[in-house]
C-alpha atoms as a PDB file:
ATOM      1  CA  MET A   1     179.597 219.581-187.059  1.00  0.00           C
ATOM      2  CA  LEU A   2     176.105 220.581-186.212  1.00  0.00           C
ATOM      3  CA  ARG A   3     175.598 218.665-183.371  1.00  0.00           C
ATOM      4  CA  LYS A   4     179.321 219.716-181.924  1.00  0.00           C
ATOM      5  CA  ALA A   5     178.998 223.074-182.302  1.00  0.00           C
ATOM      6  CA  ARG A   6     175.357 222.235-179.962  1.00  0.00           C
ATOM      7  CA  GLU A   7     177.484 220.864-177.437  1.00  0.00           C
ATOM      8  CA  ARG A   8     180.017 223.916-177.828  1.00  0.00           C
ATOM      9  CA  GLY A   9     176.895 225.991-176.841  1.00  0.00           C
ATOM     10  CA  ILE A  10     176.775 227.798-180.490  1.00  0.00           C
ATOM     11  CA  ARG A  11     173.228 228.371-180.931  1.00  0.00           C
ATOM     12  CA  VAL A  12     172.249 226.973-185.398  1.00  0.00           C
ATOM     13  CA  LEU A  13     169.679 227.688-187.286  1.00  0.00           C
ATOM     14  CA  THR A  14     168.504 225.883-190.934  1.00  0.00           C
ATOM     15  CA  TRP A  15     166.674 227.495-192.904  1.00  0.00           C
ATOM     16  CA  ASP A  16     165.470 226.129-196.349  1.00  0.00           C
ATOM     17  CA  ALA A  17     166.456 222.929-196.101  1.00  0.00           C
ATOM     18  CA  ASP A  18     166.182 221.034-192.657  1.00  0.00           C
ATOM     19  CA  ALA A  19     168.454 219.308-190.463  1.00  0.00           C
ATOM     20  CA  GLU A  20     168.402 216.354-187.481  1.00  0.00           C
ATOM     21  CA  PRO A  21     165.423 218.256-185.028  1.00  0.00           C
ATOM     22  CA  ASP A  22     168.653 217.422-182.408  1.00  0.00           C
ATOM     23  CA  ALA A  23     171.753 219.067-184.393  1.00  0.00           C
ATOM     24  CA  ARG A  24     169.934 222.464-184.688  1.00  0.00           C
ATOM     25  CA  ASP A  25     167.862 224.449-182.509  1.00  0.00           C
ATOM     26  CA  PHE A  26     165.944 226.180-185.204  1.00  0.00           C
ATOM     27  CA  PHE A  27     163.941 225.872-188.659  1.00  0.00           C
ATOM     28  CA  VAL A  28     163.024 228.582-190.944  1.00  0.00           C
ATOM     29  CA  ASN A  29     161.213 227.970-193.860  1.00  0.00           C
ATOM     30  CA  GLN A  30     160.086 229.701-196.412  1.00  0.00           C
ATOM     31  CA  ALA A  31     157.022 227.516-196.732  1.00  0.00           C
ATOM     32  CA  THR A  32     155.840 224.039-196.114  1.00  0.00           C
ATOM     33  CA  ALA A  33     157.309 221.193-198.564  1.00  0.00           C
ATOM     34  CA  GLU A  34     153.771 220.463-198.927  1.00  0.00           C
ATOM     35  CA  GLY A  35     152.204 223.921-199.923  1.00  0.00           C
ATOM     36  CA  ILE A  36     155.702 224.476-202.064  1.00  0.00           C
ATOM     37  CA  GLY A  37     154.703 221.652-203.878  1.00  0.00           C
ATOM     38  CA  ASN A  38     151.269 221.812-204.013  1.00  0.00           C
ATOM     39  CA  THR A  39     151.172 225.270-205.696  1.00  0.00           C
ATOM     40  CA  LEU A  40     154.331 223.957-208.534  1.00  0.00           C
ATOM     41  CA  THR A  41     151.395 220.922-208.426  1.00  0.00           C
ATOM     42  CA  ASP A  42     147.803 224.144-209.737  1.00  0.00           C
ATOM     43  CA  GLU A  43     150.762 225.981-211.572  1.00  0.00           C
ATOM     44  CA  ALA A  44     151.324 223.760-213.894  1.00  0.00           C
ATOM     45  CA  ALA A  45     147.565 222.641-213.939  1.00  0.00           C
ATOM     46  CA  ARG A  46     146.692 225.750-214.511  1.00  0.00           C
ATOM     47  CA  LEU A  47     149.147 226.323-217.672  1.00  0.00           C
ATOM     48  CA  LEU A  48     148.781 223.047-219.190  1.00  0.00           C
ATOM     49  CA  GLY A  49     145.139 222.904-219.196  1.00  0.00           C
ATOM     50  CA  GLY A  50     144.454 220.599-216.454  1.00  0.00           C
ATOM     51  CA  THR A  51     145.778 218.555-219.236  1.00  0.00           C
ATOM     52  CA  GLY A  52     149.569 217.348-220.461  1.00  0.00           C
ATOM     53  CA  GLU A  53     152.294 215.900-219.433  1.00  0.00           C
ATOM     54  CA  PHE A  54     154.900 217.986-217.592  1.00  0.00           C
ATOM     55  CA  ALA A  55     158.833 216.523-216.009  1.00  0.00           C
ATOM     56  CA  ILE A  56     160.374 218.678-213.338  1.00  0.00           C
ATOM     57  CA  ILE A  57     164.351 219.484-213.771  1.00  0.00           C
ATOM     58  CA  THR A  58     165.473 218.791-209.959  1.00  0.00           C
ATOM     59  CA  GLY A  59     168.909 219.876-208.111  1.00  0.00           C
ATOM     60  CA  ALA A  60     170.051 216.628-207.401  1.00  0.00           C
ATOM     61  CA  LEU A  61     168.583 213.658-207.150  1.00  0.00           C
ATOM     62  CA  SER A  62     169.841 213.162-203.343  1.00  0.00           C
ATOM     63  CA  ALA A  63     167.726 216.791-202.258  1.00  0.00           C
ATOM     64  CA  ALA A  64     166.048 215.676-199.441  1.00  0.00           C
ATOM     65  CA  ASN A  65     163.421 218.903-199.486  1.00  0.00           C
ATOM     66  CA  GLN A  66     162.965 218.362-203.347  1.00  0.00           C
ATOM     67  CA  ASN A  67     162.181 215.127-203.134  1.00  0.00           C
ATOM     68  CA  GLU A  68     159.996 215.624-200.164  1.00  0.00           C
ATOM     69  CA  TRP A  69     157.821 218.986-202.946  1.00  0.00           C
ATOM     70  CA  ILE A  70     157.650 215.800-205.612  1.00  0.00           C
ATOM     71  CA  ALA A  71     156.952 213.473-202.652  1.00  0.00           C
ATOM     72  CA  PHE A  72     153.247 216.444-202.294  1.00  0.00           C
ATOM     73  CA  ILE A  73     153.656 216.113-206.422  1.00  0.00           C
ATOM     74  CA  LYS A  74     152.774 213.236-207.143  1.00  0.00           C
ATOM     75  CA  LYS A  75     150.223 213.390-204.775  1.00  0.00           C
ATOM     76  CA  ARG A  76     148.644 216.236-205.358  1.00  0.00           C
ATOM     77  CA  LEU A  77     148.279 215.142-208.737  1.00  0.00           C
ATOM     78  CA  ALA A  78     146.955 211.812-207.809  1.00  0.00           C
ATOM     79  CA  ASP A  79     144.377 213.418-206.145  1.00  0.00           C
ATOM     80  CA  LYS A  80     143.399 216.224-207.789  1.00  0.00           C
ATOM     81  CA  TYR A  81     144.597 216.083-211.948  1.00  0.00           C
ATOM     82  CA  PRO A  82     144.265 212.689-212.892  1.00  0.00           C
ATOM     83  CA  ASN A  83     145.028 213.936-216.663  1.00  0.00           C
ATOM     84  CA  LEU A  84     148.166 215.196-215.804  1.00  0.00           C
ATOM     85  CA  LYS A  85     151.199 212.920-216.347  1.00  0.00           C
ATOM     86  CA  LEU A  86     154.897 213.430-214.784  1.00  0.00           C
ATOM     87  CA  ALA A  87     156.789 212.002-217.243  1.00  0.00           C
ATOM     88  CA  THR A  88     160.919 212.895-215.960  1.00  0.00           C
ATOM     89  CA  ILE A  89     162.426 213.815-212.778  1.00  0.00           C
ATOM     90  CA  ARG A  90     165.510 214.544-213.861  1.00  0.00           C
ATOM     91  CA  PRO A  91     168.890 216.143-212.257  1.00  0.00           C
ATOM     92  CA  SER A  92     170.817 219.319-213.134  1.00  0.00           C
ATOM     93  CA  ASP A  93     173.012 218.757-210.025  1.00  0.00           C
ATOM     94  CA  ASP A  94     173.004 222.244-209.077  1.00  0.00           C
ATOM     95  CA  ASP A  95     173.255 223.498-212.448  1.00  0.00           C
ATOM     96  CA  ARG A  96     172.149 225.922-214.756  1.00  0.00           C
ATOM     97  CA  ASP A  97     174.219 224.665-217.563  1.00  0.00           C
ATOM     98  CA  LYS A  98     172.669 221.432-217.531  1.00  0.00           C
ATOM     99  CA  ALA A  99     169.685 222.506-216.598  1.00  0.00           C
ATOM    100  CA  PHE A 100     168.859 224.434-219.971  1.00  0.00           C
ATOM    101  CA  SER A 101     170.757 221.354-221.434  1.00  0.00           C
ATOM    102  CA  GLU A 102     168.659 218.528-219.426  1.00  0.00           C
ATOM    103  CA  THR A 103     165.818 220.566-220.957  1.00  0.00           C
ATOM    104  CA  GLN A 104     166.115 221.001-224.525  1.00  0.00           C
ATOM    105  CA  THR A 105     167.212 216.973-224.035  1.00  0.00           C
ATOM    106  CA  ILE A 106     163.443 216.158-223.078  1.00  0.00           C
ATOM    107  CA  LEU A 107     161.320 218.218-225.460  1.00  0.00           C
END
């Protein structure tokens, strides 16, 4: 769909979750995936005092942008936080009530 729009001369802009580079003209992101993953990991470490377990409630297990953040979280854990453990990753299907329920189940 995006490629067809470009073929018709329509400028295509993506943000947050990118499309394939040949399917858009511009991409705007709030931060790099590495920056987001590192910041989330550093904040978890700060809150847990550098030791403990935490879980991730993600929007969807197939969300490319969130999976990229998670990959950087795992790398940051391995590189910098040997006493922190990612206990589980659970999907919320981008539903606030399901995210709450998943959190309760984990706890």
